[in-house]
């Protein structure tokens, strides 16, 4: 029987920071990294209990999992988070920019504040964290950054204009940082489609999103984690964003 290329502790000795690690996709990413052998610093903003639950799972794998709090809407907090993760793990060579807000903003109530809020948390935090961590990685021998983009960067969701725009910015930051951090640090992105229902969805929105895919089903957080492991393994890939969307982008 053929073995998976991802079996075993092939990330042994590597040190990762995952933002938004307390639940959902962030938890799946964190657990996948730990199963592959990495130590993982777990960021949260308000859900400390969820982050500590993720940490307990990782501790059971005999990996380190320090839990770190930061408000990613604050630039200084982003810079402090990169430093805290580096100090807690004794280095940092994987950054997974996962945390984001996804708030429904219909035209009737849409404001400039909505744009600023989504941009600060979803895009500016990626810029600040990648800048801070990427410089350290270059100075210390290299690393990997994986950004969670969204298929809405190219196929916008109705009633989510600020969110769509913020994720389009993350797609561009992925390509831009891939250039400036090369050749030592690789930067790639994952663009999920419908993975999990969101609290801010309008009635029927999730079902329509699934219907718009070619595979006609929800994806899973583990699908996103698998794409992340692919990028960490694919040493000759940088500046690329992979759609993990059930074919929605070409439907």
Protein backbone atom coordinates (compact mmCIF):
# COMPACT_ATOMS: atom_id res chain seq x y z
CA UNK A 1 0.00 0.00 0.00
CA UNK A 2 1.31 3.44 -0.92
CA UNK A 3 2.01 5.76 1.97
CA UNK A 4 0.79 9.35 2.15
CA UNK A 5 3.57 11.89 1.53
CA UNK A 6 2.33 13.64 4.67
CA UNK A 7 2.71 10.68 7.04
CA UNK A 8 5.17 10.91 9.88
CA UNK A 9 6.69 13.88 11.69
CA UNK A 10 8.03 15.57 8.57
CA UNK A 11 7.61 19.02 10.20
CA UNK A 12 9.65 17.94 13.24
CA UNK A 13 11.64 20.87 14.59
CA UNK A 14 9.58 23.53 12.85
CA UNK A 15 7.79 26.25 14.78
CA UNK A 16 4.48 27.73 13.68
CA UNK A 17 2.08 30.51 14.60
CA UNK A 18 -1.59 30.09 13.66
CA UNK A 19 -3.92 33.05 14.09
CA UNK A 20 -7.52 32.39 15.04
CA UNK A 21 -6.61 28.94 16.36
CA UNK A 22 -9.39 28.46 18.89
CA UNK A 23 -11.95 26.76 16.63
CA UNK A 24 -13.14 25.91 13.12
CA UNK A 25 -10.49 26.14 10.37
CA UNK A 26 -7.84 27.55 12.70
CA UNK A 27 -8.09 24.54 14.99
CA UNK A 28 -7.90 22.11 12.06
CA UNK A 29 -4.79 23.87 10.74
CA UNK A 30 -3.14 23.81 14.16
CA UNK A 31 -3.83 20.13 14.73
CA UNK A 32 -2.60 19.20 11.25
CA UNK A 33 0.69 21.02 11.84
CA UNK A 34 1.15 19.34 15.21
CA UNK A 35 0.39 15.88 13.80
CA UNK A 36 3.12 16.51 11.24
CA UNK A 37 5.59 17.28 14.03
CA UNK A 38 5.53 21.08 14.43
CA UNK A 39 5.26 23.05 17.64
CA UNK A 40 2.38 25.52 17.27
CA UNK A 41 1.74 28.88 18.95
CA UNK A 42 -2.04 29.39 19.12
CA UNK A 43 -3.46 32.89 18.76
CA UNK A 44 -6.90 33.95 19.95
CA UNK A 45 -8.68 37.26 20.46
CA UNK A 46 -11.56 36.46 22.85
CA UNK A 47 -12.03 32.67 22.86
CA UNK A 48 -9.37 31.67 25.37
CA UNK A 49 -11.23 28.50 26.34
CA UNK A 50 -11.30 27.33 22.72
CA UNK A 51 -7.61 28.08 22.25
CA UNK A 52 -6.73 26.15 25.39
CA UNK A 53 -8.82 23.23 24.20
CA UNK A 54 -6.83 23.23 20.94
CA UNK A 55 -3.64 23.42 23.02
CA UNK A 56 -4.72 20.39 25.07
CA UNK A 57 -5.13 18.31 21.90
CA UNK A 58 -1.66 19.34 20.75
CA UNK A 59 -0.10 18.67 24.14
CA UNK A 60 -1.47 15.13 23.91
CA UNK A 61 0.69 14.78 20.78
CA UNK A 62 3.72 15.83 22.84
CA UNK A 63 4.10 19.10 20.92
CA UNK A 64 4.39 22.55 22.42
CA UNK A 65 1.35 24.80 22.08
CA UNK A 66 1.67 28.18 23.84
CA UNK A 67 -1.56 30.19 23.85
CA UNK A 68 -1.25 33.88 22.93
CA UNK A 69 -3.87 36.64 23.00
CA UNK A 70 -3.91 39.61 20.61
CA UNK A 71 -6.39 41.95 18.98
CA UNK A 72 -5.36 41.84 15.32
CA UNK A 73 -7.07 45.15 14.68
CA UNK A 74 -4.16 46.75 16.57
CA UNK A 75 -0.89 47.02 14.62
CA UNK A 76 1.28 46.98 17.74
CA UNK A 77 -0.55 43.87 18.95
CA UNK A 78 0.22 42.15 15.64
CA UNK A 79 3.90 42.99 15.93
CA UNK A 80 3.88 41.88 19.57
CA UNK A 81 2.22 38.59 18.65
CA UNK A 82 4.97 37.72 16.16
CA UNK A 83 7.60 38.45 18.81
CA UNK A 84 5.73 36.54 21.52
CA UNK A 85 5.37 33.45 19.31
CA UNK A 86 9.07 33.60 18.42
CA UNK A 87 10.05 33.89 22.07
CA UNK A 88 7.67 31.18 23.27
CA UNK A 89 8.85 28.64 20.70
CA UNK A 90 12.50 29.68 20.46
CA UNK A 91 12.05 30.59 16.81
CA UNK A 92 9.36 30.93 14.15
CA UNK A 93 9.48 29.59 10.60
CA UNK A 94 5.80 29.03 9.73
CA UNK A 95 3.10 31.71 9.85
CA UNK A 96 -0.52 30.84 9.06
CA UNK A 97 -2.65 33.99 8.70
CA UNK A 98 -6.08 32.49 9.31
CA UNK A 99 -7.99 34.87 11.59
CA UNK A 100 -10.62 37.08 9.96
CA UNK A 101 -14.06 38.56 10.44
CA UNK A 102 -16.94 37.79 8.06
CA UNK A 103 -19.78 40.20 8.68
CA UNK A 104 -22.85 40.65 6.51
CA UNK A 105 -23.06 44.29 5.37
CA UNK A 106 -26.10 44.86 3.13
CA UNK A 107 -26.31 48.08 1.14
CA UNK A 108 -29.03 49.50 3.39
CA UNK A 109 -26.69 49.61 6.39
CA UNK A 110 -23.26 49.66 4.71
CA UNK A 111 -20.82 52.26 6.08
CA UNK A 112 -17.21 53.32 5.63
CA UNK A 113 -16.59 51.97 9.14
CA UNK A 114 -17.45 48.47 7.85
CA UNK A 115 -14.72 48.80 5.23
CA UNK A 116 -12.17 50.07 7.73
CA UNK A 117 -12.98 47.31 10.23
CA UNK A 118 -12.66 44.48 7.71
CA UNK A 119 -9.52 45.97 6.19
CA UNK A 120 -7.81 46.42 9.55
CA UNK A 121 -8.54 42.93 10.87
CA UNK A 122 -8.47 40.87 7.68
CA UNK A 123 -5.80 42.59 5.58
CA UNK A 124 -3.71 44.99 7.65
CA UNK A 125 -3.05 42.25 10.22
CA UNK A 126 -1.73 39.99 7.44
CA UNK A 127 0.55 42.80 6.31
CA UNK A 128 1.82 43.53 9.83
CA UNK A 129 2.32 39.91 10.85
CA UNK A 130 3.96 38.88 7.59
CA UNK A 131 6.28 41.87 7.73
CA UNK A 132 7.31 41.20 11.31
CA UNK A 133 7.59 37.42 11.02
CA UNK A 134 8.98 37.45 7.48
CA UNK A 135 11.91 39.67 8.40
CA UNK A 136 12.77 37.33 11.27
CA UNK A 137 12.50 34.30 8.98
CA UNK A 138 14.81 35.83 6.39
CA UNK A 139 17.34 36.69 9.08
CA UNK A 140 17.17 33.20 10.58
CA UNK A 141 17.35 31.07 7.45
CA UNK A 142 13.91 31.00 5.85
CA UNK A 143 10.33 29.91 6.37
CA UNK A 144 6.82 29.71 5.03
CA UNK A 145 3.75 31.95 5.16
CA UNK A 146 0.30 30.65 4.24
CA UNK A 147 -2.56 33.13 4.03
CA UNK A 148 -6.26 32.31 4.16
CA UNK A 149 -7.73 34.29 1.29
CA UNK A 150 -11.29 33.53 0.08
CA UNK A 151 -12.84 32.71 -3.24
CA UNK A 152 -14.86 35.93 -2.83
CA UNK A 153 -11.68 37.83 -3.73
CA UNK A 154 -12.57 36.89 -7.34
CA UNK A 155 -16.26 35.95 -7.12
CA UNK A 156 -17.68 38.43 -4.59
CA UNK A 157 -20.48 37.45 -2.23
CA UNK A 158 -23.53 39.76 -2.27
CA UNK A 159 -23.91 41.86 0.90
CA UNK A 160 -20.23 41.38 1.88
CA UNK A 161 -18.48 44.22 0.03
CA UNK A 162 -15.94 45.10 2.78
CA UNK A 163 -15.13 41.44 3.41
CA UNK A 164 -14.67 40.75 -0.31
CA UNK A 165 -12.36 43.74 -0.68
CA UNK A 166 -10.29 42.78 2.35
CA UNK A 167 -9.72 39.28 1.00
CA UNK A 168 -8.76 40.66 -2.42
CA UNK A 169 -6.11 42.65 -0.58
CA UNK A 170 -4.85 39.46 1.09
CA UNK A 171 -4.58 37.80 -2.33
CA UNK A 172 -2.38 40.67 -3.51
CA UNK A 173 -0.33 40.67 -0.32
CA UNK A 174 0.35 36.98 -0.91
CA UNK A 175 1.90 37.70 -4.28
CA UNK A 176 3.66 40.87 -3.17
CA UNK A 177 5.30 39.35 -0.10
CA UNK A 178 6.29 36.29 -2.13
CA UNK A 179 8.42 38.67 -4.20
CA UNK A 180 9.97 40.73 -1.43
CA UNK A 181 10.69 37.80 0.91
CA UNK A 182 12.14 35.52 -1.78
CA UNK A 183 14.20 33.43 -1.99
CA UNK A 184 14.32 32.63 1.72
CA UNK A 185 10.62 32.74 2.58
CA UNK A 186 7.81 31.28 0.50
CA UNK A 187 4.35 32.89 0.66
CA UNK A 188 1.22 31.16 -0.61
CA UNK A 189 -2.52 31.42 -0.16
CA UNK A 190 -5.59 29.23 0.18
CA UNK A 191 -8.96 30.46 -1.07
CA UNK A 192 -11.73 28.47 0.59
CA UNK A 193 -15.24 28.20 -0.79
CA UNK A 194 -18.16 27.07 1.41
CA UNK A 195 -16.46 25.22 4.26
CA UNK A 196 -18.62 25.91 7.32
CA UNK A 197 -21.81 27.95 7.79
CA UNK A 198 -21.09 31.42 9.18
CA UNK A 199 -23.04 33.08 11.98
CA UNK A 200 -23.62 36.17 9.81
CA UNK A 201 -25.23 34.30 6.90
CA UNK A 202 -28.61 35.34 5.61
CA UNK A 203 -31.26 32.59 5.45
CA UNK A 204 -30.48 30.20 2.61
CA UNK A 205 -27.09 31.78 1.86
CA UNK A 206 -25.06 28.71 2.79
CA UNK A 207 -27.26 26.39 0.80
CA UNK A 208 -26.93 28.64 -2.24
CA UNK A 209 -23.16 28.76 -1.86
CA UNK A 210 -23.04 24.96 -1.88
CA UNK A 211 -25.39 24.81 -4.87
CA UNK A 212 -22.98 27.11 -6.74
CA UNK A 213 -20.14 24.59 -6.43
CA UNK A 214 -19.47 21.78 -8.89
CA UNK A 215 -19.20 19.20 -6.10
CA UNK A 216 -22.55 20.20 -4.53
CA UNK A 217 -21.41 19.79 -0.94
CA UNK A 218 -19.73 21.59 1.90
CA UNK A 219 -15.99 21.37 2.26
CA UNK A 220 -14.36 20.65 5.62
CA UNK A 221 -11.72 22.39 7.72
CA UNK A 222 -9.54 19.35 7.07
CA UNK A 223 -9.68 20.13 3.33
CA UNK A 224 -8.07 23.49 4.11
CA UNK A 225 -5.51 21.89 6.42
CA UNK A 226 -4.56 19.47 3.63
CA UNK A 227 -3.94 22.38 1.26
CA UNK A 228 -1.76 24.05 3.89
CA UNK A 229 0.34 20.90 4.28
CA UNK A 230 0.70 20.75 0.50
CA UNK A 231 2.21 24.24 0.43
CA UNK A 232 4.61 23.42 3.25
CA UNK A 233 5.74 20.35 1.33
CA UNK A 234 5.88 21.95 -2.14
CA UNK A 235 9.25 23.65 -1.92
CA UNK A 236 9.19 25.04 -5.46
CA UNK A 237 5.85 26.87 -5.12
CA UNK A 238 5.51 30.48 -4.02
CA UNK A 239 3.19 33.38 -4.73
CA UNK A 240 0.29 31.06 -5.59
CA UNK A 241 -3.26 30.99 -4.22
CA UNK A 242 -5.05 27.65 -4.41
CA UNK A 243 -8.86 27.57 -4.60
CA UNK A 244 -10.29 24.93 -2.29
CA UNK A 245 -13.87 25.67 -3.21
CA UNK A 246 -15.54 22.60 -4.69
CA UNK A 247 -15.21 24.17 -8.12
CA UNK A 248 -17.22 27.31 -7.32
CA UNK A 249 -14.64 29.53 -9.00
CA UNK A 250 -15.20 27.87 -12.39
CA UNK A 251 -18.88 26.95 -12.09
